[in-house]
Amino acid sequence: MLKLEIPAYVFEQMLEQAKAQAPIEVCGILAGNGSKVEKLYKMTNADNSSNRFMMEPKEQFAVVKDIRSAGLEMLAIYHSHPETPARPSAEDIRLALTANVIYLIVSLQDANAPAVKGFLLEDGNVAKVSVKISDSETSCDS
C-alpha cells in the first residue's frame, strides 16, 4: 500500500479535531478497504501533550474490534502537529509499532494552509506515501 485516498469530508473532520484541540496533538484511526478510507475514528490522546500522542488503549481495542466487525481494514493512524511540519519526529518514528499501516500527520503550522502527509514507518525507516483528498458527498461516523 503506497497510496491513500481520503474523502474530503474525512479530511475536514481530521482538521476540525486538530484545530479544536490545539495545541494538544490529536490522534485517530482511518479504516477502509484497499487504499480508500471509509471511516474515521477519533481517539483520545492519553498523553494530553502538544508534542506526542498515545492512544487510549481501551478505545483502541474497541475501534479495532469495530473495524473487524464492519469488514474493514485499519489503513492509517493519524495525529496532528499543531506547530510543526507534517513530517515524523524521532519520537513518531520510534513509537510507530503498528505494521502495515500508513502514518498520517496533519500539520497546523501554517494556519492558512493546513497540510497532511503520509508515511510508512517501519523498523526506523521512513517512506513517503501518496495521499489524495477526494471529493465525496457521503458522510461518516466518528
N, C-alpha and C. Protein backbone atom coordinates (compact mmCIF):
# COMPACT_ATOMS: atom_id res chain seq x y z
N MET A 1 0.84 -1.18 0.00
CA MET A 1 0.00 0.00 0.00
C MET A 1 0.89 1.25 0.00
N LEU A 2 0.99 1.89 -1.14
CA LEU A 2 1.83 3.07 -1.23
C LEU A 2 1.05 4.34 -1.51
N LYS A 3 -0.29 4.25 -1.38
CA LYS A 3 -1.10 5.44 -1.55
C LYS A 3 -2.32 5.33 -0.65
N LEU A 4 -2.92 6.49 -0.39
CA LEU A 4 -4.11 6.53 0.45
C LEU A 4 -5.03 7.59 -0.12
N GLU A 5 -6.31 7.22 -0.28
CA GLU A 5 -7.32 8.17 -0.75
C GLU A 5 -8.27 8.48 0.39
N ILE A 6 -8.35 9.77 0.73
CA ILE A 6 -9.16 10.22 1.85
C ILE A 6 -10.29 11.10 1.32
N PRO A 7 -11.54 10.75 1.57
CA PRO A 7 -12.63 11.62 1.17
C PRO A 7 -12.49 13.00 1.84
N ALA A 8 -12.89 14.04 1.14
CA ALA A 8 -12.75 15.40 1.66
C ALA A 8 -13.43 15.56 3.02
N TYR A 9 -14.59 14.93 3.21
CA TYR A 9 -15.29 15.08 4.49
C TYR A 9 -14.49 14.48 5.64
N VAL A 10 -13.73 13.42 5.39
CA VAL A 10 -12.90 12.82 6.44
C VAL A 10 -11.73 13.75 6.74
N PHE A 11 -11.11 14.29 5.70
CA PHE A 11 -10.02 15.24 5.91
C PHE A 11 -10.51 16.43 6.73
N GLU A 12 -11.71 16.94 6.42
CA GLU A 12 -12.27 18.07 7.16
C GLU A 12 -12.50 17.71 8.62
N GLN A 13 -12.94 16.48 8.90
CA GLN A 13 -13.13 16.05 10.28
C GLN A 13 -11.80 15.99 11.03
N MET A 14 -10.75 15.52 10.36
CA MET A 14 -9.43 15.49 11.00
C MET A 14 -8.97 16.91 11.31
N LEU A 15 -9.15 17.83 10.35
CA LEU A 15 -8.76 19.23 10.56
C LEU A 15 -9.54 19.86 11.70
N GLU A 16 -10.85 19.65 11.73
CA GLU A 16 -11.67 20.21 12.80
C GLU A 16 -11.21 19.71 14.16
N GLN A 17 -10.93 18.42 14.25
CA GLN A 17 -10.46 17.83 15.51
C GLN A 17 -9.12 18.46 15.91
N ALA A 18 -8.20 18.59 14.95
CA ALA A 18 -6.88 19.15 15.24
C ALA A 18 -6.98 20.60 15.69
N LYS A 19 -7.80 21.39 15.00
CA LYS A 19 -7.95 22.81 15.36
C LYS A 19 -8.64 22.97 16.72
N ALA A 20 -9.65 22.16 16.98
CA ALA A 20 -10.41 22.27 18.22
C ALA A 20 -9.57 21.94 19.45
N GLN A 21 -8.60 21.03 19.31
CA GLN A 21 -7.83 20.60 20.48
C GLN A 21 -6.43 21.20 20.53
N ALA A 22 -6.03 21.96 19.52
CA ALA A 22 -4.71 22.59 19.54
C ALA A 22 -4.61 23.48 20.79
N PRO A 23 -3.45 23.49 21.44
CA PRO A 23 -2.15 23.00 20.99
C PRO A 23 -1.86 21.55 21.37
N ILE A 24 -2.86 20.80 21.81
CA ILE A 24 -2.66 19.37 22.11
C ILE A 24 -2.71 18.59 20.80
N GLU A 25 -1.82 17.60 20.65
CA GLU A 25 -1.88 16.73 19.48
C GLU A 25 -3.14 15.87 19.58
N VAL A 26 -3.82 15.70 18.44
CA VAL A 26 -4.96 14.80 18.38
C VAL A 26 -4.52 13.53 17.66
N CYS A 27 -5.33 12.49 17.76
CA CYS A 27 -4.99 11.25 17.09
C CYS A 27 -6.26 10.49 16.73
N GLY A 28 -6.10 9.53 15.84
CA GLY A 28 -7.23 8.73 15.43
C GLY A 28 -6.82 7.65 14.45
N ILE A 29 -7.81 6.91 14.00
CA ILE A 29 -7.59 5.79 13.10
C ILE A 29 -8.51 5.94 11.90
N LEU A 30 -7.99 5.62 10.72
CA LEU A 30 -8.78 5.62 9.50
C LEU A 30 -8.91 4.18 9.01
N ALA A 31 -10.13 3.80 8.67
CA ALA A 31 -10.38 2.44 8.20
C ALA A 31 -11.04 2.47 6.84
N GLY A 32 -10.88 1.39 6.11
CA GLY A 32 -11.49 1.28 4.79
C GLY A 32 -11.06 -0.01 4.14
N ASN A 33 -11.07 -0.02 2.82
CA ASN A 33 -10.63 -1.18 2.06
C ASN A 33 -9.70 -0.74 0.95
N GLY A 34 -8.69 -1.57 0.66
CA GLY A 34 -7.72 -1.21 -0.36
C GLY A 34 -6.96 0.03 0.07
N SER A 35 -7.06 1.08 -0.73
CA SER A 35 -6.38 2.33 -0.37
C SER A 35 -7.38 3.44 -0.08
N LYS A 36 -8.69 3.10 -0.01
CA LYS A 36 -9.73 4.12 0.17
C LYS A 36 -10.27 4.12 1.60
N VAL A 37 -10.18 5.28 2.23
CA VAL A 37 -10.70 5.45 3.58
C VAL A 37 -12.22 5.54 3.53
N GLU A 38 -12.88 4.83 4.45
CA GLU A 38 -14.33 4.86 4.53
C GLU A 38 -14.83 5.36 5.88
N LYS A 39 -13.99 5.26 6.91
CA LYS A 39 -14.45 5.60 8.25
C LYS A 39 -13.32 6.20 9.09
N LEU A 40 -13.66 7.22 9.86
CA LEU A 40 -12.73 7.87 10.76
C LEU A 40 -13.13 7.57 12.20
N TYR A 41 -12.14 7.27 13.03
CA TYR A 41 -12.35 7.05 14.45
C TYR A 41 -11.48 8.05 15.21
N LYS A 42 -12.12 9.03 15.85
CA LYS A 42 -11.36 9.97 16.68
C LYS A 42 -10.99 9.27 17.97
N MET A 43 -9.74 9.44 18.38
CA MET A 43 -9.25 8.79 19.59
C MET A 43 -8.84 9.84 20.62
N THR A 44 -8.71 9.42 21.86
CA THR A 44 -8.23 10.29 22.93
C THR A 44 -6.72 10.20 23.01
N ASN A 45 -6.06 11.35 23.06
CA ASN A 45 -4.61 11.38 23.28
C ASN A 45 -4.39 11.24 24.79
N ALA A 46 -4.06 10.04 25.23
CA ALA A 46 -3.88 9.76 26.65
C ALA A 46 -2.74 10.57 27.25
N ASP A 47 -1.77 11.00 26.41
CA ASP A 47 -0.66 11.82 26.90
C ASP A 47 -1.07 13.28 27.09
N ASN A 48 -2.16 13.71 26.44
CA ASN A 48 -2.63 15.09 26.54
C ASN A 48 -1.46 16.07 26.37
N SER A 49 -0.67 15.85 25.33
CA SER A 49 0.59 16.58 25.11
C SER A 49 0.57 17.34 23.79
N SER A 50 1.37 18.39 23.73
CA SER A 50 1.49 19.17 22.49
C SER A 50 2.59 18.64 21.58
N ASN A 51 3.36 17.64 22.04
CA ASN A 51 4.43 17.14 21.17
C ASN A 51 4.54 15.62 21.11
N ARG A 52 3.49 14.93 21.56
CA ARG A 52 3.45 13.47 21.41
C ARG A 52 2.02 13.00 21.65
N PHE A 53 1.75 11.78 21.21
CA PHE A 53 0.43 11.21 21.44
C PHE A 53 0.55 9.74 21.79
N MET A 54 -0.44 9.28 22.52
CA MET A 54 -0.58 7.86 22.84
C MET A 54 -2.08 7.60 22.88
N MET A 55 -2.54 6.69 22.04
CA MET A 55 -3.97 6.38 22.03
C MET A 55 -4.36 5.68 23.32
N GLU A 56 -5.55 5.99 23.80
CA GLU A 56 -6.09 5.35 24.99
C GLU A 56 -6.32 3.88 24.65
N PRO A 57 -5.66 2.96 25.35
CA PRO A 57 -5.69 1.54 24.98
C PRO A 57 -7.09 0.92 24.88
N LYS A 58 -7.99 1.21 25.81
CA LYS A 58 -9.33 0.61 25.75
C LYS A 58 -10.08 1.10 24.52
N GLU A 59 -9.94 2.38 24.19
CA GLU A 59 -10.57 2.93 22.98
C GLU A 59 -10.00 2.24 21.74
N GLN A 60 -8.69 2.10 21.72
CA GLN A 60 -8.03 1.49 20.56
C GLN A 60 -8.52 0.05 20.35
N PHE A 61 -8.63 -0.69 21.42
CA PHE A 61 -9.12 -2.08 21.33
C PHE A 61 -10.54 -2.11 20.78
N ALA A 62 -11.41 -1.21 21.28
CA ALA A 62 -12.80 -1.17 20.82
C ALA A 62 -12.87 -0.80 19.34
N VAL A 63 -12.03 0.13 18.90
CA VAL A 63 -12.02 0.53 17.50
C VAL A 63 -11.56 -0.61 16.60
N VAL A 64 -10.51 -1.31 16.99
CA VAL A 64 -10.02 -2.44 16.20
C VAL A 64 -11.12 -3.50 16.08
N LYS A 65 -11.83 -3.74 17.16
CA LYS A 65 -12.94 -4.70 17.14
C LYS A 65 -14.04 -4.23 16.18
N ASP A 66 -14.38 -2.94 16.21
CA ASP A 66 -15.41 -2.39 15.33
C ASP A 66 -14.98 -2.47 13.87
N ILE A 67 -13.72 -2.17 13.60
CA ILE A 67 -13.20 -2.23 12.24
C ILE A 67 -13.37 -3.65 11.69
N ARG A 68 -12.97 -4.63 12.48
CA ARG A 68 -13.09 -6.03 12.04
C ARG A 68 -14.54 -6.43 11.81
N SER A 69 -15.41 -6.05 12.73
CA SER A 69 -16.82 -6.45 12.59
C SER A 69 -17.49 -5.78 11.40
N ALA A 70 -16.97 -4.62 10.98
CA ALA A 70 -17.51 -3.92 9.82
C ALA A 70 -16.91 -4.41 8.50
N GLY A 71 -15.98 -5.36 8.59
CA GLY A 71 -15.34 -5.89 7.39
C GLY A 71 -14.37 -4.92 6.75
N LEU A 72 -13.82 -4.03 7.57
CA LEU A 72 -12.85 -3.03 7.08
C LEU A 72 -11.45 -3.39 7.55
N GLU A 73 -10.48 -2.63 7.07
CA GLU A 73 -9.09 -2.78 7.49
C GLU A 73 -8.62 -1.47 8.10
N MET A 74 -7.71 -1.54 9.06
CA MET A 74 -7.07 -0.32 9.55
C MET A 74 -6.08 0.11 8.47
N LEU A 75 -6.32 1.28 7.89
CA LEU A 75 -5.45 1.78 6.82
C LEU A 75 -4.42 2.78 7.33
N ALA A 76 -4.81 3.60 8.32
CA ALA A 76 -3.91 4.66 8.76
C ALA A 76 -4.15 5.03 10.21
N ILE A 77 -3.09 5.50 10.82
CA ILE A 77 -3.14 6.12 12.15
C ILE A 77 -2.75 7.58 11.90
N TYR A 78 -3.58 8.49 12.37
CA TYR A 78 -3.24 9.90 12.16
C TYR A 78 -3.02 10.62 13.49
N HIS A 79 -2.24 11.67 13.41
CA HIS A 79 -2.11 12.58 14.54
C HIS A 79 -1.75 13.96 14.00
N SER A 80 -1.89 14.95 14.85
CA SER A 80 -1.61 16.32 14.42
C SER A 80 -0.28 16.81 14.96
N HIS A 81 0.28 17.77 14.23
CA HIS A 81 1.42 18.55 14.69
C HIS A 81 0.93 19.99 14.73
N PRO A 82 0.50 20.47 15.90
CA PRO A 82 -0.09 21.80 15.99
C PRO A 82 0.84 22.94 15.55
N GLU A 83 2.14 22.77 15.75
CA GLU A 83 3.05 23.89 15.46
C GLU A 83 4.26 23.50 14.63
N THR A 84 4.31 22.27 14.15
CA THR A 84 5.47 21.82 13.39
C THR A 84 5.02 21.22 12.06
N PRO A 85 5.96 21.03 11.13
CA PRO A 85 5.60 20.49 9.80
C PRO A 85 5.04 19.08 9.85
N ALA A 86 4.42 18.69 8.75
CA ALA A 86 3.84 17.34 8.60
C ALA A 86 4.95 16.36 8.21
N ARG A 87 5.84 16.12 9.13
CA ARG A 87 6.88 15.11 8.94
C ARG A 87 7.10 14.42 10.29
N PRO A 88 7.43 13.14 10.25
CA PRO A 88 7.55 12.39 11.51
C PRO A 88 8.74 12.84 12.34
N SER A 89 8.49 13.01 13.62
CA SER A 89 9.56 13.33 14.56
C SER A 89 10.30 12.04 14.92
N ALA A 90 11.41 12.18 15.58
CA ALA A 90 12.16 10.99 16.03
C ALA A 90 11.27 10.14 16.94
N GLU A 91 10.47 10.79 17.77
CA GLU A 91 9.54 10.08 18.67
C GLU A 91 8.47 9.35 17.86
N ASP A 92 7.93 10.00 16.82
CA ASP A 92 6.93 9.34 15.96
C ASP A 92 7.51 8.07 15.35
N ILE A 93 8.72 8.16 14.86
CA ILE A 93 9.37 7.01 14.22
C ILE A 93 9.62 5.90 15.24
N ARG A 94 10.09 6.28 16.41
CA ARG A 94 10.40 5.30 17.46
C ARG A 94 9.15 4.57 17.95
N LEU A 95 8.02 5.29 18.00
CA LEU A 95 6.80 4.71 18.55
C LEU A 95 5.85 4.14 17.50
N ALA A 96 6.29 4.09 16.25
CA ALA A 96 5.46 3.54 15.17
C ALA A 96 5.53 2.02 15.23
N LEU A 97 4.68 1.43 16.06
CA LEU A 97 4.76 0.00 16.33
C LEU A 97 3.73 -0.83 15.55
N THR A 98 2.78 -0.17 14.91
CA THR A 98 1.76 -0.89 14.16
C THR A 98 2.24 -1.07 12.73
N ALA A 99 2.44 -2.30 12.32
CA ALA A 99 2.95 -2.58 10.97
C ALA A 99 1.83 -2.51 9.94
N ASN A 100 2.22 -2.27 8.72
CA ASN A 100 1.31 -2.29 7.57
C ASN A 100 0.19 -1.26 7.62
N VAL A 101 0.44 -0.13 8.27
CA VAL A 101 -0.50 0.99 8.22
C VAL A 101 0.28 2.24 7.82
N ILE A 102 -0.45 3.19 7.29
CA ILE A 102 0.14 4.48 6.94
C ILE A 102 0.01 5.39 8.15
N TYR A 103 1.04 6.14 8.42
CA TYR A 103 1.01 7.13 9.49
C TYR A 103 0.80 8.49 8.84
N LEU A 104 -0.32 9.12 9.17
CA LEU A 104 -0.64 10.44 8.63
C LEU A 104 -0.35 11.50 9.67
N ILE A 105 0.19 12.61 9.19
CA ILE A 105 0.43 13.75 10.07
C ILE A 105 -0.29 14.96 9.48
N VAL A 106 -1.14 15.57 10.30
CA VAL A 106 -1.86 16.78 9.93
C VAL A 106 -1.15 17.95 10.61
N SER A 107 -0.57 18.84 9.79
CA SER A 107 0.16 19.98 10.34
C SER A 107 -0.69 21.24 10.30
N LEU A 108 -0.70 21.94 11.44
CA LEU A 108 -1.37 23.24 11.53
C LEU A 108 -0.35 24.36 11.60
N GLN A 109 0.90 24.07 11.24
CA GLN A 109 1.97 25.07 11.33
C GLN A 109 1.59 26.34 10.57
N ASP A 110 1.04 26.21 9.37
CA ASP A 110 0.53 27.33 8.60
C ASP A 110 -0.99 27.29 8.71
N ALA A 111 -1.53 28.13 9.57
CA ALA A 111 -2.98 28.11 9.84
C ALA A 111 -3.81 28.33 8.58
N ASN A 112 -3.26 29.03 7.60
CA ASN A 112 -3.99 29.30 6.36
C ASN A 112 -3.90 28.16 5.36
N ALA A 113 -2.97 27.25 5.57
CA ALA A 113 -2.79 26.14 4.63
C ALA A 113 -2.40 24.87 5.39
N PRO A 114 -3.35 24.26 6.13
CA PRO A 114 -3.03 23.01 6.83
C PRO A 114 -2.57 21.96 5.83
N ALA A 115 -1.67 21.10 6.28
CA ALA A 115 -1.11 20.08 5.39
C ALA A 115 -1.30 18.70 5.99
N VAL A 116 -1.41 17.71 5.11
CA VAL A 116 -1.44 16.32 5.55
C VAL A 116 -0.48 15.53 4.67
N LYS A 117 0.34 14.72 5.33
CA LYS A 117 1.29 13.87 4.60
C LYS A 117 1.26 12.49 5.21
N GLY A 118 1.55 11.49 4.35
CA GLY A 118 1.53 10.11 4.80
C GLY A 118 2.90 9.46 4.71
N PHE A 119 3.13 8.53 5.62
CA PHE A 119 4.42 7.85 5.69
C PHE A 119 4.24 6.39 6.09
N LEU A 120 5.11 5.54 5.58
CA LEU A 120 5.28 4.20 6.12
C LEU A 120 6.44 4.30 7.08
N LEU A 121 6.21 3.90 8.32
CA LEU A 121 7.25 3.96 9.35
C LEU A 121 7.45 2.55 9.87
N GLU A 122 8.53 1.92 9.42
CA GLU A 122 8.80 0.54 9.85
C GLU A 122 10.28 0.35 10.11
N ASP A 123 10.58 -0.20 11.27
CA ASP A 123 11.97 -0.50 11.67
C ASP A 123 12.88 0.71 11.55
N GLY A 124 12.35 1.89 11.91
CA GLY A 124 13.15 3.11 11.87
C GLY A 124 13.27 3.73 10.50
N ASN A 125 12.70 3.10 9.49
CA ASN A 125 12.75 3.65 8.13
C ASN A 125 11.51 4.47 7.85
N VAL A 126 11.69 5.53 7.05
CA VAL A 126 10.59 6.42 6.69
C VAL A 126 10.46 6.46 5.18
N ALA A 127 9.26 6.17 4.68
CA ALA A 127 8.98 6.25 3.24
C ALA A 127 7.72 7.07 3.05
N LYS A 128 7.77 8.03 2.13
CA LYS A 128 6.60 8.86 1.85
C LYS A 128 5.54 8.03 1.13
N VAL A 129 4.28 8.37 1.41
CA VAL A 129 3.14 7.72 0.80
C VAL A 129 2.29 8.80 0.15
N SER A 130 1.79 8.52 -1.04
CA SER A 130 0.91 9.45 -1.74
C SER A 130 -0.43 9.53 -1.02
N VAL A 131 -0.88 10.76 -0.73
CA VAL A 131 -2.17 10.98 -0.09
C VAL A 131 -3.01 11.86 -1.00
N LYS A 132 -4.19 11.36 -1.35
CA LYS A 132 -5.09 12.11 -2.22
C LYS A 132 -6.36 12.42 -1.44
N ILE A 133 -6.74 13.70 -1.44
CA ILE A 133 -8.02 14.10 -0.84
C ILE A 133 -9.02 14.14 -1.98
N SER A 134 -10.05 13.29 -1.90
CA SER A 134 -11.03 13.19 -2.99
C SER A 134 -12.35 13.82 -2.59
N ASP A 135 -13.07 14.31 -3.57
CA ASP A 135 -14.40 14.87 -3.34
C ASP A 135 -15.36 13.72 -3.09
N SER A 136 -16.27 13.93 -2.13
CA SER A 136 -17.27 12.91 -1.85
C SER A 136 -18.45 13.56 -1.16
N GLU A 137 -19.62 13.09 -1.45
CA GLU A 137 -20.83 13.62 -0.84
C GLU A 137 -21.28 12.81 0.36
N THR A 138 -20.62 11.67 0.60
CA THR A 138 -21.01 10.78 1.67
C THR A 138 -20.48 11.30 2.99
N SER A 139 -21.09 10.92 4.10
CA SER A 139 -20.58 11.28 5.41
C SER A 139 -20.22 10.01 6.17
N CYS A 140 -19.45 10.20 7.26
CA CYS A 140 -19.07 9.02 8.04
C CYS A 140 -19.29 9.27 9.51
N ASP A 141 -19.32 8.22 10.28
CA ASP A 141 -19.45 8.31 11.72
C ASP A 141 -18.06 8.52 12.32
N SER A 142 -18.03 9.16 13.46
CA SER A 142 -16.74 9.33 14.14
C SER A 142 -16.89 9.18 15.63
